[in-house]
Amino acid sequence: MSAAGWFIVLLALAGANLPFVNQRLFGVAPLRAPKKSAWLRIVELIVLYFVVGAFGFMLEARAGNRFEQGWQFYAITASLFVVFAFPGFAWQYLVKRRDA
């Protein structure tokens, strides 16, 4: 696997966990509410999936041929993105903290 491939995997891992490790919109914009809702986290996860995917397509096109992908590719990568989000989900919702 090339360095660009590993970079996309690491970017996907970071992007999938970003909605769960902070209380800001996309890690940048502060929100009025003290805690993000689960629906907002899901929307962020979907948007970040497409951002990482677009970046991956850009790297693939820059390296040479860009291959056409069927629905199976998107189903598998979306599932993998959700699996990558598990550490952040577990930290946000399953770990007990004293400040709660």
PDB file of N, CA and C in Angstrom:
ATOM      1  N   MET A   1       0.852  -1.177   0.000  1.00  0.00           N
ATOM      2  CA  MET A   1       0.000   0.000   0.000  1.00  0.00           C
ATOM      3  C   MET A   1       0.895   1.237   0.000  1.00  0.00           C
ATOM      4  N   SER A   2       0.527   2.213  -0.786  1.00  0.00           N
ATOM      5  CA  SER A   2       1.356   3.408  -0.924  1.00  0.00           C
ATOM      6  C   SER A   2       1.168   4.350   0.265  1.00  0.00           C
ATOM      7  N   ALA A   3       2.009   5.337   0.325  1.00  0.00           N
ATOM      8  CA  ALA A   3       1.922   6.334   1.390  1.00  0.00           C
ATOM      9  C   ALA A   3       0.613   7.112   1.297  1.00  0.00           C
ATOM     10  N   ALA A   4       0.136   7.391   0.084  1.00  0.00           N
ATOM     11  CA  ALA A   4      -1.131   8.098  -0.078  1.00  0.00           C
ATOM     12  C   ALA A   4      -2.290   7.260   0.452  1.00  0.00           C
ATOM     13  N   GLY A   5      -2.225   5.963   0.253  1.00  0.00           N
ATOM     14  CA  GLY A   5      -3.269   5.080   0.766  1.00  0.00           C
ATOM     15  C   GLY A   5      -3.319   5.082   2.282  1.00  0.00           C
ATOM     16  N   TRP A   6      -2.150   4.998   2.914  1.00  0.00           N
ATOM     17  CA  TRP A   6      -2.106   5.045   4.374  1.00  0.00           C
ATOM     18  C   TRP A   6      -2.542   6.406   4.899  1.00  0.00           C
ATOM     19  N   PHE A   7      -2.209   7.458   4.159  1.00  0.00           N
ATOM     20  CA  PHE A   7      -2.633   8.803   4.565  1.00  0.00           C
ATOM     21  C   PHE A   7      -4.154   8.908   4.567  1.00  0.00           C
ATOM     22  N   ILE A   8      -4.814   8.351   3.561  1.00  0.00           N
ATOM     23  CA  ILE A   8      -6.272   8.395   3.501  1.00  0.00           C
ATOM     24  C   ILE A   8      -6.881   7.581   4.641  1.00  0.00           C
ATOM     25  N   VAL A   9      -6.295   6.439   4.953  1.00  0.00           N
ATOM     26  CA  VAL A   9      -6.804   5.625   6.063  1.00  0.00           C
ATOM     27  C   VAL A   9      -6.684   6.399   7.379  1.00  0.00           C
ATOM     28  N   LEU A  10      -5.558   7.032   7.618  1.00  0.00           N
ATOM     29  CA  LEU A  10      -5.384   7.816   8.847  1.00  0.00           C
ATOM     30  C   LEU A  10      -6.295   9.039   8.870  1.00  0.00           C
ATOM     31  N   LEU A  11      -6.490   9.673   7.708  1.00  0.00           N
ATOM     32  CA  LEU A  11      -7.405  10.797   7.617  1.00  0.00           C
ATOM     33  C   LEU A  11      -8.837  10.356   7.903  1.00  0.00           C
ATOM     34  N   ALA A  12      -9.219   9.185   7.404  1.00  0.00           N
ATOM     35  CA  ALA A  12     -10.554   8.654   7.670  1.00  0.00           C
ATOM     36  C   ALA A  12     -10.727   8.339   9.155  1.00  0.00           C
ATOM     37  N   LEU A  13      -9.701   7.790   9.774  1.00  0.00           N
ATOM     38  CA  LEU A  13      -9.758   7.487  11.209  1.00  0.00           C
ATOM     39  C   LEU A  13      -9.934   8.767  12.028  1.00  0.00           C
ATOM     40  N   ALA A  14      -9.188   9.789  11.694  1.00  0.00           N
ATOM     41  CA  ALA A  14      -9.313  11.070  12.402  1.00  0.00           C
ATOM     42  C   ALA A  14     -10.658  11.730  12.109  1.00  0.00           C
ATOM     43  N   GLY A  15     -11.076  11.711  10.847  1.00  0.00           N
ATOM     44  CA  GLY A  15     -12.349  12.333  10.480  1.00  0.00           C
ATOM     45  C   GLY A  15     -13.548  11.642  11.094  1.00  0.00           C
ATOM     46  N   ALA A  16     -13.486  10.333  11.226  1.00  0.00           N
ATOM     47  CA  ALA A  16     -14.603   9.597  11.805  1.00  0.00           C
ATOM     48  C   ALA A  16     -14.736   9.871  13.299  1.00  0.00           C
ATOM     49  N   ASN A  17     -13.644  10.156  13.971  1.00  0.00           N
ATOM     50  CA  ASN A  17     -13.688  10.398  15.410  1.00  0.00           C
ATOM     51  C   ASN A  17     -13.897  11.866  15.765  1.00  0.00           C
ATOM     52  N   LEU A  18     -13.698  12.756  14.824  1.00  0.00           N
ATOM     53  CA  LEU A  18     -13.812  14.192  15.094  1.00  0.00           C
ATOM     54  C   LEU A  18     -15.165  14.602  15.679  1.00  0.00           C
ATOM     55  N   PRO A  19     -16.298  14.105  15.185  1.00  0.00           N
ATOM     56  CA  PRO A  19     -17.569  14.544  15.775  1.00  0.00           C
ATOM     57  C   PRO A  19     -17.746  14.148  17.241  1.00  0.00           C
ATOM     58  N   PHE A  20     -17.026  13.146  17.691  1.00  0.00           N
ATOM     59  CA  PHE A  20     -17.236  12.625  19.040  1.00  0.00           C
ATOM     60  C   PHE A  20     -16.251  13.143  20.074  1.00  0.00           C
ATOM     61  N   VAL A  21     -15.145  13.717  19.661  1.00  0.00           N
ATOM     62  CA  VAL A  21     -14.121  14.110  20.630  1.00  0.00           C
ATOM     63  C   VAL A  21     -14.171  15.581  21.012  1.00  0.00           C
ATOM     64  N   ASN A  22     -15.114  16.338  20.465  1.00  0.00           N
ATOM     65  CA  ASN A  22     -15.219  17.735  20.849  1.00  0.00           C
ATOM     66  C   ASN A  22     -16.675  18.181  20.801  1.00  0.00           C
ATOM     67  N   GLN A  23     -16.939  19.378  21.316  1.00  0.00           N
ATOM     68  CA  GLN A  23     -18.301  19.923  21.350  1.00  0.00           C
ATOM     69  C   GLN A  23     -18.474  21.079  20.357  1.00  0.00           C
ATOM     70  N   ARG A  24     -17.601  21.174  19.384  1.00  0.00           N
ATOM     71  CA  ARG A  24     -17.681  22.225  18.369  1.00  0.00           C
ATOM     72  C   ARG A  24     -18.169  21.637  17.053  1.00  0.00           C
ATOM     73  N   LEU A  25     -18.741  22.468  16.212  1.00  0.00           N
ATOM     74  CA  LEU A  25     -19.208  22.035  14.908  1.00  0.00           C
ATOM     75  C   LEU A  25     -18.006  21.838  13.989  1.00  0.00           C
ATOM     76  N   PHE A  26     -17.775  20.612  13.540  1.00  0.00           N
ATOM     77  CA  PHE A  26     -16.626  20.226  12.720  1.00  0.00           C
ATOM     78  C   PHE A  26     -15.297  20.567  13.393  1.00  0.00           C
ATOM     79  N   GLY A  27     -15.301  20.624  14.712  1.00  0.00           N
ATOM     80  CA  GLY A  27     -14.082  20.900  15.451  1.00  0.00           C
ATOM     81  C   GLY A  27     -13.637  22.346  15.396  1.00  0.00           C
ATOM     82  N   VAL A  28     -14.446  23.231  14.788  1.00  0.00           N
ATOM     83  CA  VAL A  28     -14.022  24.614  14.595  1.00  0.00           C
ATOM     84  C   VAL A  28     -14.999  25.608  15.213  1.00  0.00           C
ATOM     85  N   ALA A  29     -16.256  25.551  14.801  1.00  0.00           N
ATOM     86  CA  ALA A  29     -17.249  26.564  15.183  1.00  0.00           C
ATOM     87  C   ALA A  29     -17.895  26.227  16.533  1.00  0.00           C
ATOM     88  N   PRO A  30     -17.862  27.147  17.481  1.00  0.00           N
ATOM     89  CA  PRO A  30     -18.510  26.883  18.769  1.00  0.00           C
ATOM     90  C   PRO A  30     -20.034  26.877  18.617  1.00  0.00           C
ATOM     91  N   LEU A  31     -20.683  26.100  19.461  1.00  0.00           N
ATOM     92  CA  LEU A  31     -22.138  26.007  19.453  1.00  0.00           C
ATOM     93  C   LEU A  31     -22.692  26.670  20.702  1.00  0.00           C
ATOM     94  N   ARG A  32     -23.967  27.043  20.648  1.00  0.00           N
ATOM     95  CA  ARG A  32     -24.601  27.652  21.823  1.00  0.00           C
ATOM     96  C   ARG A  32     -24.836  26.625  22.918  1.00  0.00           C
ATOM     97  N   ALA A  33     -25.234  25.433  22.505  1.00  0.00           N
ATOM     98  CA  ALA A  33     -25.523  24.378  23.481  1.00  0.00           C
ATOM     99  C   ALA A  33     -24.220  23.886  24.113  1.00  0.00           C
ATOM    100  N   PRO A  34     -24.265  23.534  25.384  1.00  0.00           N
ATOM    101  CA  PRO A  34     -23.041  23.043  26.023  1.00  0.00           C
ATOM    102  C   PRO A  34     -22.613  21.670  25.509  1.00  0.00           C
ATOM    103  N   LYS A  35     -23.553  20.908  24.939  1.00  0.00           N
ATOM    104  CA  LYS A  35     -23.230  19.572  24.441  1.00  0.00           C
ATOM    105  C   LYS A  35     -23.938  19.352  23.102  1.00  0.00           C
ATOM    106  N   LYS A  36     -23.216  18.796  22.131  1.00  0.00           N
ATOM    107  CA  LYS A  36     -23.788  18.520  20.809  1.00  0.00           C
ATOM    108  C   LYS A  36     -24.800  17.387  20.906  1.00  0.00           C
ATOM    109  N   SER A  37     -25.836  17.474  20.084  1.00  0.00           N
ATOM    110  CA  SER A  37     -26.818  16.397  20.046  1.00  0.00           C
ATOM    111  C   SER A  37     -26.289  15.243  19.191  1.00  0.00           C
ATOM    112  N   ALA A  38     -26.866  14.081  19.390  1.00  0.00           N
ATOM    113  CA  ALA A  38     -26.460  12.906  18.617  1.00  0.00           C
ATOM    114  C   ALA A  38     -26.758  13.102  17.135  1.00  0.00           C
ATOM    115  N   TRP A  39     -27.858  13.773  16.820  1.00  0.00           N
ATOM    116  CA  TRP A  39     -28.205  14.001  15.411  1.00  0.00           C
ATOM    117  C   TRP A  39     -27.171  14.877  14.724  1.00  0.00           C
ATOM    118  N   LEU A  40     -26.685  15.868  15.416  1.00  0.00           N
ATOM    119  CA  LEU A  40     -25.657  16.740  14.840  1.00  0.00           C
ATOM    120  C   LEU A  40     -24.364  15.959  14.626  1.00  0.00           C
ATOM    121  N   ARG A  41     -24.041  15.062  15.537  1.00  0.00           N
ATOM    122  CA  ARG A  41     -22.854  14.228  15.372  1.00  0.00           C
ATOM    123  C   ARG A  41     -22.991  13.309  14.152  1.00  0.00           C
ATOM    124  N   ILE A  42     -24.174  12.773  13.924  1.00  0.00           N
ATOM    125  CA  ILE A  42     -24.404  11.912  12.759  1.00  0.00           C
ATOM    126  C   ILE A  42     -24.269  12.707  11.469  1.00  0.00           C
ATOM    127  N   VAL A  43     -24.825  13.921  11.442  1.00  0.00           N
ATOM    128  CA  VAL A  43     -24.706  14.777  10.255  1.00  0.00           C
ATOM    129  C   VAL A  43     -23.237  15.108   9.991  1.00  0.00           C
ATOM    130  N   GLU A  44     -22.496  15.428  11.046  1.00  0.00           N
ATOM    131  CA  GLU A  44     -21.053  15.690  10.896  1.00  0.00           C
ATOM    132  C   GLU A  44     -20.332  14.462  10.347  1.00  0.00           C
ATOM    133  N   LEU A  45     -20.690  13.286  10.838  1.00  0.00           N
ATOM    134  CA  LEU A  45     -20.056  12.046  10.381  1.00  0.00           C
ATOM    135  C   LEU A  45     -20.297  11.833   8.891  1.00  0.00           C
ATOM    136  N   ILE A  46     -21.514  12.088   8.432  1.00  0.00           N
ATOM    137  CA  ILE A  46     -21.848  11.921   7.011  1.00  0.00           C
ATOM    138  C   ILE A  46     -21.083  12.926   6.154  1.00  0.00           C
ATOM    139  N   VAL A  47     -21.062  14.172   6.583  1.00  0.00           N
ATOM    140  CA  VAL A  47     -20.343  15.201   5.818  1.00  0.00           C
ATOM    141  C   VAL A  47     -18.852  14.890   5.763  1.00  0.00           C
ATOM    142  N   LEU A  48     -18.281  14.470   6.873  1.00  0.00           N
ATOM    143  CA  LEU A  48     -16.852  14.153   6.892  1.00  0.00           C
ATOM    144  C   LEU A  48     -16.535  12.922   6.052  1.00  0.00           C
ATOM    145  N   TYR A  49     -17.471  11.975   5.949  1.00  0.00           N
ATOM    146  CA  TYR A  49     -17.283  10.824   5.055  1.00  0.00           C
ATOM    147  C   TYR A  49     -17.099  11.305   3.615  1.00  0.00           C
ATOM    148  N   PHE A  50     -17.951  12.238   3.193  1.00  0.00           N
ATOM    149  CA  PHE A  50     -17.843  12.745   1.822  1.00  0.00           C
ATOM    150  C   PHE A  50     -16.599  13.608   1.624  1.00  0.00           C
ATOM    151  N   VAL A  51     -16.194  14.341   2.636  1.00  0.00           N
ATOM    152  CA  VAL A  51     -14.979  15.158   2.528  1.00  0.00           C
ATOM    153  C   VAL A  51     -13.746  14.262   2.381  1.00  0.00           C
ATOM    154  N   VAL A  52     -13.652  13.242   3.220  1.00  0.00           N
ATOM    155  CA  VAL A  52     -12.515  12.319   3.133  1.00  0.00           C
ATOM    156  C   VAL A  52     -12.544  11.570   1.799  1.00  0.00           C
ATOM    157  N   GLY A  53     -13.743  11.172   1.357  1.00  0.00           N
ATOM    158  CA  GLY A  53     -13.868  10.488   0.069  1.00  0.00           C
ATOM    159  C   GLY A  53     -13.440  11.366  -1.093  1.00  0.00           C
ATOM    160  N   ALA A  54     -13.826  12.633  -1.074  1.00  0.00           N
ATOM    161  CA  ALA A  54     -13.424  13.560  -2.137  1.00  0.00           C
ATOM    162  C   ALA A  54     -11.910  13.750  -2.137  1.00  0.00           C
ATOM    163  N   PHE A  55     -11.325  13.823  -0.948  1.00  0.00           N
ATOM    164  CA  PHE A  55      -9.874  13.954  -0.860  1.00  0.00           C
ATOM    165  C   PHE A  55      -9.184  12.702  -1.396  1.00  0.00           C
ATOM    166  N   GLY A  56      -9.747  11.541  -1.106  1.00  0.00           N
ATOM    167  CA  GLY A  56      -9.196  10.291  -1.633  1.00  0.00           C
ATOM    168  C   GLY A  56      -9.277  10.232  -3.150  1.00  0.00           C
ATOM    169  N   PHE A  57     -10.406  10.665  -3.704  1.00  0.00           N
ATOM    170  CA  PHE A  57     -10.533  10.696  -5.164  1.00  0.00           C
ATOM    171  C   PHE A  57      -9.542  11.668  -5.787  1.00  0.00           C
ATOM    172  N   MET A  58      -9.316  12.794  -5.113  1.00  0.00           N
ATOM    173  CA  MET A  58      -8.355  13.761  -5.629  1.00  0.00           C
ATOM    174  C   MET A  58      -6.948  13.156  -5.661  1.00  0.00           C
ATOM    175  N   LEU A  59      -6.566  12.475  -4.584  1.00  0.00           N
ATOM    176  CA  LEU A  59      -5.247  11.840  -4.561  1.00  0.00           C
ATOM    177  C   LEU A  59      -5.140  10.736  -5.606  1.00  0.00           C
ATOM    178  N   GLU A  60      -6.216   9.978  -5.797  1.00  0.00           N
ATOM    179  CA  GLU A  60      -6.193   8.905  -6.792  1.00  0.00           C
ATOM    180  C   GLU A  60      -6.067   9.469  -8.208  1.00  0.00           C
ATOM    181  N   ALA A  61      -6.790  10.531  -8.484  1.00  0.00           N
ATOM    182  CA  ALA A  61      -6.715  11.145  -9.810  1.00  0.00           C
ATOM    183  C   ALA A  61      -5.341  11.770 -10.049  1.00  0.00           C
ATOM    184  N   ARG A  62      -4.754  12.313  -9.003  1.00  0.00           N
ATOM    185  CA  ARG A  62      -3.442  12.931  -9.146  1.00  0.00           C
ATOM    186  C   ARG A  62      -2.352  11.885  -9.371  1.00  0.00           C
ATOM    187  N   ALA A  63      -2.542  10.692  -8.804  1.00  0.00           N
ATOM    188  CA  ALA A  63      -1.544   9.633  -8.934  1.00  0.00           C
ATOM    189  C   ALA A  63      -1.611   8.941 -10.295  1.00  0.00           C
ATOM    190  N   GLY A  64      -2.710   9.073 -10.979  1.00  0.00           N
ATOM    191  CA  GLY A  64      -2.830   8.389 -12.270  1.00  0.00           C
ATOM    192  C   GLY A  64      -4.284   8.188 -12.634  1.00  0.00           C
ATOM    193  N   ASN A  65      -4.649   6.954 -12.890  1.00  0.00           N
ATOM    194  CA  ASN A  65      -6.020   6.648 -13.306  1.00  0.00           C
ATOM    195  C   ASN A  65      -6.962   6.676 -12.112  1.00  0.00           C
ATOM    196  N   ARG A  66      -8.123   7.242 -12.349  1.00  0.00           N
ATOM    197  CA  ARG A  66      -9.176   7.173 -11.348  1.00  0.00           C
ATOM    198  C   ARG A  66     -10.141   6.096 -11.795  1.00  0.00           C
ATOM    199  N   PHE A  67     -10.394   5.126 -10.941  1.00  0.00           N
ATOM    200  CA  PHE A  67     -11.244   3.999 -11.298  1.00  0.00           C
ATOM    201  C   PHE A  67     -12.692   4.285 -10.930  1.00  0.00           C
ATOM    202  N   GLU A  68     -13.597   3.839 -11.778  1.00  0.00           N
ATOM    203  CA  GLU A  68     -15.027   3.959 -11.485  1.00  0.00           C
ATOM    204  C   GLU A  68     -15.385   3.004 -10.361  1.00  0.00           C
ATOM    205  N   GLN A  69     -16.268   3.448  -9.483  1.00  0.00           N
ATOM    206  CA  GLN A  69     -16.669   2.641  -8.340  1.00  0.00           C
ATOM    207  C   GLN A  69     -18.171   2.392  -8.399  1.00  0.00           C
ATOM    208  N   GLY A  70     -18.579   1.191  -8.022  1.00  0.00           N
ATOM    209  CA  GLY A  70     -19.987   0.851  -7.948  1.00  0.00           C
ATOM    210  C   GLY A  70     -20.538   1.113  -6.556  1.00  0.00           C
ATOM    211  N   TRP A  71     -21.798   0.771  -6.356  1.00  0.00           N
ATOM    212  CA  TRP A  71     -22.433   1.014  -5.070  1.00  0.00           C
ATOM    213  C   TRP A  71     -21.784   0.193  -3.962  1.00  0.00           C
ATOM    214  N   GLN A  72     -21.188  -0.943  -4.327  1.00  0.00           N
ATOM    215  CA  GLN A  72     -20.545  -1.794  -3.328  1.00  0.00           C
ATOM    216  C   GLN A  72     -19.380  -1.075  -2.646  1.00  0.00           C
ATOM    217  N   PHE A  73     -18.624  -0.328  -3.423  1.00  0.00           N
ATOM    218  CA  PHE A  73     -17.497   0.428  -2.885  1.00  0.00           C
ATOM    219  C   PHE A  73     -17.976   1.421  -1.830  1.00  0.00           C
ATOM    220  N   TYR A  74     -19.042   2.151  -2.136  1.00  0.00           N
ATOM    221  CA  TYR A  74     -19.547   3.159  -1.208  1.00  0.00           C
ATOM    222  C   TYR A  74     -20.166   2.520   0.023  1.00  0.00           C
ATOM    223  N   ALA A  75     -20.824   1.376  -0.130  1.00  0.00           N
ATOM    224  CA  ALA A  75     -21.385   0.672   1.028  1.00  0.00           C
ATOM    225  C   ALA A  75     -20.276   0.202   1.962  1.00  0.00           C
ATOM    226  N   ILE A  76     -19.215  -0.334   1.401  1.00  0.00           N
ATOM    227  CA  ILE A  76     -18.106  -0.832   2.221  1.00  0.00           C
ATOM    228  C   ILE A  76     -17.359   0.318   2.886  1.00  0.00           C
ATOM    229  N   THR A  77     -17.071   1.386   2.144  1.00  0.00           N
ATOM    230  CA  THR A  77     -16.324   2.492   2.745  1.00  0.00           C
ATOM    231  C   THR A  77     -17.151   3.223   3.796  1.00  0.00           C
ATOM    232  N   ALA A  78     -18.460   3.345   3.587  1.00  0.00           N
ATOM    233  CA  ALA A  78     -19.311   3.971   4.608  1.00  0.00           C
ATOM    234  C   ALA A  78     -19.335   3.116   5.871  1.00  0.00           C
ATOM    235  N   SER A  79     -19.421   1.803   5.701  1.00  0.00           N
ATOM    236  CA  SER A  79     -19.396   0.897   6.863  1.00  0.00           C
ATOM    237  C   SER A  79     -18.057   0.988   7.586  1.00  0.00           C
ATOM    238  N   LEU A  80     -16.988   1.037   6.844  1.00  0.00           N
ATOM    239  CA  LEU A  80     -15.661   1.151   7.445  1.00  0.00           C
ATOM    240  C   LEU A  80     -15.510   2.478   8.182  1.00  0.00           C
ATOM    241  N   PHE A  81     -16.074   3.537   7.640  1.00  0.00           N
ATOM    242  CA  PHE A  81     -16.007   4.840   8.289  1.00  0.00           C
ATOM    243  C   PHE A  81     -16.741   4.814   9.627  1.00  0.00           C
ATOM    244  N   VAL A  82     -17.889   4.130   9.662  1.00  0.00           N
ATOM    245  CA  VAL A  82     -18.638   4.000  10.920  1.00  0.00           C
ATOM    246  C   VAL A  82     -17.847   3.162  11.921  1.00  0.00           C
ATOM    247  N   VAL A  83     -17.194   2.108  11.465  1.00  0.00           N
ATOM    248  CA  VAL A  83     -16.359   1.296  12.357  1.00  0.00           C
ATOM    249  C   VAL A  83     -15.192   2.126  12.881  1.00  0.00           C
ATOM    250  N   PHE A  84     -14.591   2.937  12.037  1.00  0.00           N
ATOM    251  CA  PHE A  84     -13.501   3.817  12.477  1.00  0.00           C
ATOM    252  C   PHE A  84     -13.972   4.786  13.561  1.00  0.00           C
ATOM    253  N   ALA A  85     -15.263   5.136  13.571  1.00  0.00           N
ATOM    254  CA  ALA A  85     -15.790   6.094  14.540  1.00  0.00           C
ATOM    255  C   ALA A  85     -16.008   5.479  15.921  1.00  0.00           C
ATOM    256  N   PHE A  86     -15.857   4.165  16.065  1.00  0.00           N
ATOM    257  CA  PHE A  86     -16.158   3.522  17.340  1.00  0.00           C
ATOM    258  C   PHE A  86     -15.334   4.037  18.516  1.00  0.00           C
ATOM    259  N   PRO A  87     -14.026   4.255  18.387  1.00  0.00           N
ATOM    260  CA  PRO A  87     -13.289   4.760  19.566  1.00  0.00           C
ATOM    261  C   PRO A  87     -13.836   6.101  20.073  1.00  0.00           C
ATOM    262  N   GLY A  88     -14.147   7.007  19.181  1.00  0.00           N
ATOM    263  CA  GLY A  88     -14.708   8.295  19.595  1.00  0.00           C
ATOM    264  C   GLY A  88     -16.096   8.144  20.190  1.00  0.00           C
ATOM    265  N   PHE A  89     -16.916   7.274  19.604  1.00  0.00           N
ATOM    266  CA  PHE A  89     -18.253   7.012  20.134  1.00  0.00           C
ATOM    267  C   PHE A  89     -18.158   6.426  21.535  1.00  0.00           C
ATOM    268  N   ALA A  90     -17.284   5.455  21.715  1.00  0.00           N
ATOM    269  CA  ALA A  90     -17.123   4.827  23.030  1.00  0.00           C
ATOM    270  C   ALA A  90     -16.640   5.845  24.055  1.00  0.00           C
ATOM    271  N   TRP A  91     -15.709   6.701  23.674  1.00  0.00           N
ATOM    272  CA  TRP A  91     -15.212   7.710  24.595  1.00  0.00           C
ATOM    273  C   TRP A  91     -16.312   8.704  24.973  1.00  0.00           C
ATOM    274  N   GLN A  92     -17.141   9.098  24.000  1.00  0.00           N
ATOM    275  CA  GLN A  92     -18.171  10.102  24.254  1.00  0.00           C
ATOM    276  C   GLN A  92     -19.353   9.538  25.042  1.00  0.00           C
ATOM    277  N   TYR A  93     -19.800   8.332  24.713  1.00  0.00           N
ATOM    278  CA  TYR A  93     -21.051   7.835  25.270  1.00  0.00           C
ATOM    279  C   TYR A  93     -20.904   6.672  26.252  1.00  0.00           C
ATOM    280  N   LEU A  94     -19.819   5.944  26.232  1.00  0.00           N
ATOM    281  CA  LEU A  94     -19.719   4.752  27.057  1.00  0.00           C
ATOM    282  C   LEU A  94     -18.758   4.878  28.241  1.00  0.00           C
ATOM    283  N   VAL A  95     -17.846   5.822  28.195  1.00  0.00           N
ATOM    284  CA  VAL A  95     -16.893   6.003  29.292  1.00  0.00           C
ATOM    285  C   VAL A  95     -17.530   6.883  30.365  1.00  0.00           C
ATOM    286  N   LYS A  96     -17.511   6.403  31.602  1.00  0.00           N
ATOM    287  CA  LYS A  96     -18.051   7.192  32.708  1.00  0.00           C
ATOM    288  C   LYS A  96     -17.019   8.226  33.127  1.00  0.00           C
ATOM    289  N   ARG A  97     -17.512   9.463  33.336  1.00  0.00           N
ATOM    290  CA  ARG A  97     -16.644  10.533  33.770  1.00  0.00           C
ATOM    291  C   ARG A  97     -17.203  11.133  35.051  1.00  0.00           C
ATOM    292  N   ARG A  98     -16.344  11.708  35.843  1.00  0.00           N
ATOM    293  CA  ARG A  98     -16.793  12.308  37.104  1.00  0.00           C
ATOM    294  C   ARG A  98     -17.485  13.652  36.902  1.00  0.00           C
ATOM    295  N   ASP A  99     -17.196  14.348  35.799  1.00  0.00           N
ATOM    296  CA  ASP A  99     -17.786  15.684  35.570  1.00  0.00           C
ATOM    297  C   ASP A  99     -19.233  15.605  35.131  1.00  0.00           C
ATOM    298  N   ALA A 100     -19.788  14.426  34.879  1.00  0.00           N
ATOM    299  CA  ALA A 100     -21.170  14.292  34.391  1.00  0.00           C
ATOM    300  C   ALA A 100     -22.165  14.342  35.518  1.00  0.00           C
TER     301      ALA A 100
END
